[in-house]
Amino acid sequence: MNNLRVRVMVPAALAALLALAVGGCANLPAGSSASSGNGASAPASPGGTGIAALERGALPPGAVFKAESSLVFGTGDQWVGRLAADVGRDVDAVYRYFAEQYPVQGWTLISAVRGKTSLLVFTRQDRTATVELSEGNALTGGSVVVTVSPRSANVNMPAGAAAPRPSAAPATGAVATPVR
């Protein structure tokens, strides 16, 4: 009986601890827009607290930070992780914000793809930022996910893993014929 009680209590305790940890993340530097209790998120503030404490300009003005979809480690301009936000209907202005303002902040634009889902890739010193901007539909506005991670020159392969092989794609202009 005691063994059964322990088996039930351990998962429940772990679930409660996980809920506290996740809820606590909303109050870390990314927490300026912590949930107001009704599930709504608050706009990112331009001051020195919350999202702005991560890095000034990490999200465009008016963006509504989504704590439940974000995971951030660190503060200031050395944070890493994922910031998610709703950005409203003017996705073109948000795209321009990232394309124009990130370089002003010292980021170098490496690649940009424009479409229904747009991607911008930036580097700065030893970090990489990937901005994924998705257009909304008739009922919702657009959303953005900014992922910042350390840039590594060395990619360590797990022991025993084979290096990736070049694809056996047909040469340009060639037509692949299915085998029957």
C-alpha atoms as a PDB file:
ATOM      1  CA  MET A   1       0.000   0.000   0.000  1.00  0.00           C
ATOM      2  CA  ASN A   2       2.818   2.412   0.902  1.00  0.00           C
ATOM      3  CA  ASN A   3       4.570   1.556  -2.377  1.00  0.00           C
ATOM      4  CA  LEU A   4       1.387   2.432  -4.311  1.00  0.00           C
ATOM      5  CA  ARG A   5       1.096   5.774  -2.507  1.00  0.00           C
ATOM      6  CA  VAL A   6       4.702   6.648  -3.468  1.00  0.00           C
ATOM      7  CA  ARG A   7       4.062   5.661  -7.091  1.00  0.00           C
ATOM      8  CA  VAL A   8       1.055   7.980  -7.256  1.00  0.00           C
ATOM      9  CA  MET A   9       2.628  10.868  -5.340  1.00  0.00           C
ATOM     10  CA  VAL A  10       5.916  11.052  -7.283  1.00  0.00           C
ATOM     11  CA  PRO A  11       4.310  11.769 -10.694  1.00  0.00           C
ATOM     12  CA  ALA A  12       1.886  14.214  -9.071  1.00  0.00           C
ATOM     13  CA  ALA A  13       4.739  16.004  -7.309  1.00  0.00           C
ATOM     14  CA  LEU A  14       6.761  16.150 -10.530  1.00  0.00           C
ATOM     15  CA  ALA A  15       3.755  17.552 -12.413  1.00  0.00           C
ATOM     16  CA  ALA A  16       3.234  20.208  -9.736  1.00  0.00           C
ATOM     17  CA  LEU A  17       6.940  21.103  -9.791  1.00  0.00           C
ATOM     18  CA  LEU A  18       6.877  21.369 -13.599  1.00  0.00           C
ATOM     19  CA  ALA A  19       3.796  23.595 -13.450  1.00  0.00           C
ATOM     20  CA  LEU A  20       5.525  25.873 -10.942  1.00  0.00           C
ATOM     21  CA  ALA A  21       8.684  26.014 -13.059  1.00  0.00           C
ATOM     22  CA  VAL A  22       6.785  26.835 -16.242  1.00  0.00           C
ATOM     23  CA  GLY A  23       4.642  29.380 -14.435  1.00  0.00           C
ATOM     24  CA  GLY A  24       7.766  30.881 -12.904  1.00  0.00           C
ATOM     25  CA  CYS A  25       9.300  31.344 -16.354  1.00  0.00           C
ATOM     26  CA  ALA A  26       6.561  33.843 -17.097  1.00  0.00           C
ATOM     27  CA  ASN A  27       7.960  35.995 -14.300  1.00  0.00           C
ATOM     28  CA  LEU A  28      11.577  35.811 -15.431  1.00  0.00           C
ATOM     29  CA  PRO A  29      12.948  38.562 -17.677  1.00  0.00           C
ATOM     30  CA  ALA A  30      10.581  37.477 -20.412  1.00  0.00           C
ATOM     31  CA  GLY A  31       7.749  37.856 -17.938  1.00  0.00           C
ATOM     32  CA  SER A  32       6.825  41.502 -18.452  1.00  0.00           C
ATOM     33  CA  SER A  33       3.954  40.064 -20.305  1.00  0.00           C
ATOM     34  CA  ALA A  34       3.127  37.328 -17.893  1.00  0.00           C
ATOM     35  CA  SER A  35      -0.372  36.082 -18.092  1.00  0.00           C
ATOM     36  CA  SER A  36      -2.896  38.271 -16.319  1.00  0.00           C
ATOM     37  CA  GLY A  37      -4.690  35.251 -14.896  1.00  0.00           C
ATOM     38  CA  ASN A  38      -7.263  34.971 -17.663  1.00  0.00           C
ATOM     39  CA  GLY A  39      -4.823  33.477 -20.183  1.00  0.00           C
ATOM     40  CA  ALA A  40      -4.212  36.786 -21.962  1.00  0.00           C
ATOM     41  CA  SER A  41      -0.710  38.073 -22.534  1.00  0.00           C
ATOM     42  CA  ALA A  42       0.405  41.644 -22.159  1.00  0.00           C
ATOM     43  CA  PRO A  43       2.254  43.768 -24.697  1.00  0.00           C
ATOM     44  CA  ALA A  44       6.021  43.833 -24.504  1.00  0.00           C
ATOM     45  CA  SER A  45       7.107  46.925 -22.625  1.00  0.00           C
ATOM     46  CA  PRO A  46       9.746  49.296 -23.979  1.00  0.00           C
ATOM     47  CA  GLY A  47      11.175  49.955 -20.487  1.00  0.00           C
ATOM     48  CA  GLY A  48      14.052  48.233 -18.747  1.00  0.00           C
ATOM     49  CA  THR A  49      12.033  45.319 -17.406  1.00  0.00           C
ATOM     50  CA  GLY A  50      10.440  42.228 -18.851  1.00  0.00           C
ATOM     51  CA  ILE A  51      10.983  41.547 -22.550  1.00  0.00           C
ATOM     52  CA  ALA A  52      12.990  44.754 -22.971  1.00  0.00           C
ATOM     53  CA  ALA A  53      15.399  43.496 -20.298  1.00  0.00           C
ATOM     54  CA  LEU A  54      16.290  40.616 -22.596  1.00  0.00           C
ATOM     55  CA  GLU A  55      17.491  42.842 -25.356  1.00  0.00           C
ATOM     56  CA  ARG A  56      16.109  46.138 -26.528  1.00  0.00           C
ATOM     57  CA  GLY A  57      14.271  45.679 -29.774  1.00  0.00           C
ATOM     58  CA  ALA A  58      14.033  41.888 -29.611  1.00  0.00           C
ATOM     59  CA  LEU A  59      10.362  42.233 -30.588  1.00  0.00           C
ATOM     60  CA  PRO A  60       8.702  44.989 -32.607  1.00  0.00           C
ATOM     61  CA  PRO A  61       6.665  47.698 -30.850  1.00  0.00           C
ATOM     62  CA  GLY A  62       3.102  46.558 -30.200  1.00  0.00           C
ATOM     63  CA  ALA A  63       3.960  42.859 -30.238  1.00  0.00           C
ATOM     64  CA  VAL A  64       2.011  40.824 -27.680  1.00  0.00           C
ATOM     65  CA  PHE A  65       4.402  38.392 -26.007  1.00  0.00           C
ATOM     66  CA  LYS A  66       3.139  34.803 -25.675  1.00  0.00           C
ATOM     67  CA  ALA A  67       4.744  33.420 -22.506  1.00  0.00           C
ATOM     68  CA  GLU A  68       3.141  29.999 -22.980  1.00  0.00           C
ATOM     69  CA  SER A  69       4.992  29.561 -26.308  1.00  0.00           C
ATOM     70  CA  SER A  70       8.312  31.073 -25.222  1.00  0.00           C
ATOM     71  CA  LEU A  71      11.354  29.681 -23.460  1.00  0.00           C
ATOM     72  CA  VAL A  72      14.180  32.043 -22.539  1.00  0.00           C
ATOM     73  CA  PHE A  73      17.480  31.521 -20.727  1.00  0.00           C
ATOM     74  CA  GLY A  74      19.622  34.445 -19.625  1.00  0.00           C
ATOM     75  CA  THR A  75      19.131  38.193 -19.696  1.00  0.00           C
ATOM     76  CA  GLY A  76      20.380  41.276 -21.465  1.00  0.00           C
ATOM     77  CA  ASP A  77      21.951  40.830 -24.861  1.00  0.00           C
ATOM     78  CA  GLN A  78      23.184  37.311 -24.041  1.00  0.00           C
ATOM     79  CA  TRP A  79      19.804  35.577 -23.768  1.00  0.00           C
ATOM     80  CA  VAL A  80      19.114  32.448 -25.778  1.00  0.00           C
ATOM     81  CA  GLY A  81      15.865  30.697 -26.457  1.00  0.00           C
ATOM     82  CA  ARG A  82      12.578  31.288 -28.184  1.00  0.00           C
ATOM     83  CA  LEU A  83      10.340  34.361 -28.047  1.00  0.00           C
ATOM     84  CA  ALA A  84       6.848  34.052 -29.489  1.00  0.00           C
ATOM     85  CA  ALA A  85       4.478  36.967 -30.040  1.00  0.00           C
ATOM     86  CA  ASP A  86       1.338  38.008 -31.850  1.00  0.00           C
ATOM     87  CA  VAL A  87       2.113  40.963 -34.116  1.00  0.00           C
ATOM     88  CA  GLY A  88      -1.240  42.052 -35.534  1.00  0.00           C
ATOM     89  CA  ARG A  89      -2.342  42.310 -39.132  1.00  0.00           C
ATOM     90  CA  ASP A  90       0.424  44.513 -40.575  1.00  0.00           C
ATOM     91  CA  VAL A  91       2.907  41.714 -41.179  1.00  0.00           C
ATOM     92  CA  ASP A  92       4.725  43.796 -43.825  1.00  0.00           C
ATOM     93  CA  ALA A  93       5.611  46.421 -41.194  1.00  0.00           C
ATOM     94  CA  VAL A  94       6.859  43.705 -38.853  1.00  0.00           C
ATOM     95  CA  TYR A  95       9.025  42.216 -41.615  1.00  0.00           C
ATOM     96  CA  ARG A  96      10.463  45.678 -42.310  1.00  0.00           C
ATOM     97  CA  TYR A  97      11.103  46.152 -38.578  1.00  0.00           C
ATOM     98  CA  PHE A  98      13.298  43.060 -38.384  1.00  0.00           C
ATOM     99  CA  ALA A  99      15.010  43.690 -41.747  1.00  0.00           C
ATOM    100  CA  GLU A 100      15.815  47.319 -40.846  1.00  0.00           C
ATOM    101  CA  GLN A 101      16.198  47.390 -37.054  1.00  0.00           C
ATOM    102  CA  TYR A 102      18.168  44.224 -36.344  1.00  0.00           C
ATOM    103  CA  PRO A 103      21.126  45.417 -38.472  1.00  0.00           C
ATOM    104  CA  VAL A 104      21.039  48.718 -36.536  1.00  0.00           C
ATOM    105  CA  GLN A 105      21.403  46.620 -33.358  1.00  0.00           C
ATOM    106  CA  GLY A 106      24.531  44.952 -34.724  1.00  0.00           C
ATOM    107  CA  TRP A 107      22.956  41.874 -36.315  1.00  0.00           C
ATOM    108  CA  THR A 108      24.092  40.897 -39.837  1.00  0.00           C
ATOM    109  CA  LEU A 109      21.375  39.641 -42.177  1.00  0.00           C
ATOM    110  CA  ILE A 110      22.508  36.295 -43.609  1.00  0.00           C
ATOM    111  CA  SER A 111      19.379  35.135 -45.386  1.00  0.00           C
ATOM    112  CA  ALA A 112      15.823  36.325 -45.975  1.00  0.00           C
ATOM    113  CA  VAL A 113      12.895  34.487 -47.504  1.00  0.00           C
ATOM    114  CA  ARG A 114       9.641  36.360 -48.013  1.00  0.00           C
ATOM    115  CA  GLY A 115       6.303  34.566 -48.259  1.00  0.00           C
ATOM    116  CA  LYS A 116       3.229  33.541 -46.297  1.00  0.00           C
ATOM    117  CA  THR A 117       5.777  32.354 -43.750  1.00  0.00           C
ATOM    118  CA  SER A 118       8.878  34.561 -43.925  1.00  0.00           C
ATOM    119  CA  LEU A 119      12.269  33.680 -42.485  1.00  0.00           C
ATOM    120  CA  LEU A 120      15.132  36.015 -41.662  1.00  0.00           C
ATOM    121  CA  VAL A 121      18.453  34.714 -40.348  1.00  0.00           C
ATOM    122  CA  PHE A 122      20.899  37.030 -38.579  1.00  0.00           C
ATOM    123  CA  THR A 123      24.256  36.581 -36.878  1.00  0.00           C
ATOM    124  CA  ARG A 124      26.025  38.717 -34.314  1.00  0.00           C
ATOM    125  CA  GLN A 125      29.316  37.796 -32.687  1.00  0.00           C
ATOM    126  CA  ASP A 126      28.805  34.228 -31.486  1.00  0.00           C
ATOM    127  CA  ARG A 127      25.008  34.083 -31.797  1.00  0.00           C
ATOM    128  CA  THR A 128      22.444  33.365 -34.489  1.00  0.00           C
ATOM    129  CA  ALA A 129      18.889  34.712 -34.580  1.00  0.00           C
ATOM    130  CA  THR A 130      16.181  33.165 -36.728  1.00  0.00           C
ATOM    131  CA  VAL A 131      12.973  35.141 -37.189  1.00  0.00           C
ATOM    132  CA  GLU A 132       9.933  33.196 -38.412  1.00  0.00           C
ATOM    133  CA  LEU A 133       7.079  35.503 -39.319  1.00  0.00           C
ATOM    134  CA  SER A 134       3.716  33.941 -40.220  1.00  0.00           C
ATOM    135  CA  GLU A 135       0.809  35.768 -41.761  1.00  0.00           C
ATOM    136  CA  GLY A 136      -2.528  35.355 -40.055  1.00  0.00           C
ATOM    137  CA  ASN A 137      -5.796  34.367 -41.650  1.00  0.00           C
ATOM    138  CA  ALA A 138      -9.087  36.238 -41.929  1.00  0.00           C
ATOM    139  CA  LEU A 139      -9.701  35.938 -38.181  1.00  0.00           C
ATOM    140  CA  THR A 140      -6.231  36.287 -36.679  1.00  0.00           C
ATOM    141  CA  GLY A 141      -3.233  38.535 -37.040  1.00  0.00           C
ATOM    142  CA  GLY A 142       0.292  37.443 -37.750  1.00  0.00           C
ATOM    143  CA  SER A 143       2.720  35.855 -35.342  1.00  0.00           C
ATOM    144  CA  VAL A 144       6.470  35.835 -34.944  1.00  0.00           C
ATOM    145  CA  VAL A 145       8.920  33.439 -33.332  1.00  0.00           C
ATOM    146  CA  VAL A 146      12.443  34.696 -32.676  1.00  0.00           C
ATOM    147  CA  THR A 147      14.920  31.953 -31.852  1.00  0.00           C
ATOM    148  CA  VAL A 148      18.370  32.979 -30.640  1.00  0.00           C
ATOM    149  CA  SER A 149      21.081  30.412 -30.070  1.00  0.00           C
ATOM    150  CA  PRO A 150      24.850  30.238 -29.742  1.00  0.00           C
ATOM    151  CA  ARG A 151      26.622  29.867 -33.053  1.00  0.00           C
ATOM    152  CA  SER A 152      29.055  26.981 -33.127  1.00  0.00           C
ATOM    153  CA  ALA A 153      31.826  26.500 -35.646  1.00  0.00           C
ATOM    154  CA  ASN A 154      32.215  22.870 -34.570  1.00  0.00           C
ATOM    155  CA  VAL A 155      29.306  20.508 -34.932  1.00  0.00           C
ATOM    156  CA  ASN A 156      29.934  17.432 -32.824  1.00  0.00           C
ATOM    157  CA  MET A 157      28.524  14.226 -34.233  1.00  0.00           C
ATOM    158  CA  PRO A 158      27.400  11.538 -31.769  1.00  0.00           C
ATOM    159  CA  ALA A 159      29.786   8.595 -31.534  1.00  0.00           C
ATOM    160  CA  GLY A 160      29.099   6.084 -34.276  1.00  0.00           C
ATOM    161  CA  ALA A 161      26.983   8.473 -36.341  1.00  0.00           C
ATOM    162  CA  ALA A 162      27.821   8.665 -40.003  1.00  0.00           C
ATOM    163  CA  ALA A 163      28.420  12.016 -41.633  1.00  0.00           C
ATOM    164  CA  PRO A 164      25.560  13.158 -43.856  1.00  0.00           C
ATOM    165  CA  ARG A 165      25.881  11.928 -47.410  1.00  0.00           C
ATOM    166  CA  PRO A 166      25.193  14.107 -50.417  1.00  0.00           C
ATOM    167  CA  SER A 167      21.757  13.453 -51.827  1.00  0.00           C
ATOM    168  CA  ALA A 168      21.420  11.364 -54.909  1.00  0.00           C
ATOM    169  CA  ALA A 169      19.214  13.956 -56.583  1.00  0.00           C
ATOM    170  CA  PRO A 170      19.234  13.964 -60.368  1.00  0.00           C
ATOM    171  CA  ALA A 171      21.359  16.595 -62.059  1.00  0.00           C
ATOM    172  CA  THR A 172      19.714  19.839 -63.100  1.00  0.00           C
ATOM    173  CA  GLY A 173      17.547  19.287 -66.144  1.00  0.00           C
ATOM    174  CA  ALA A 174      17.442  15.504 -65.654  1.00  0.00           C
ATOM    175  CA  VAL A 175      14.129  13.762 -65.201  1.00  0.00           C
ATOM    176  CA  ALA A 176      13.787  11.087 -62.560  1.00  0.00           C
ATOM    177  CA  THR A 177      12.011   7.979 -63.802  1.00  0.00           C
ATOM    178  CA  PRO A 178      10.173   5.910 -61.186  1.00  0.00           C
ATOM    179  CA  VAL A 179      11.148   2.258 -60.896  1.00  0.00           C
ATOM    180  CA  ARG A 180       8.271  -0.151 -61.339  1.00  0.00           C
END
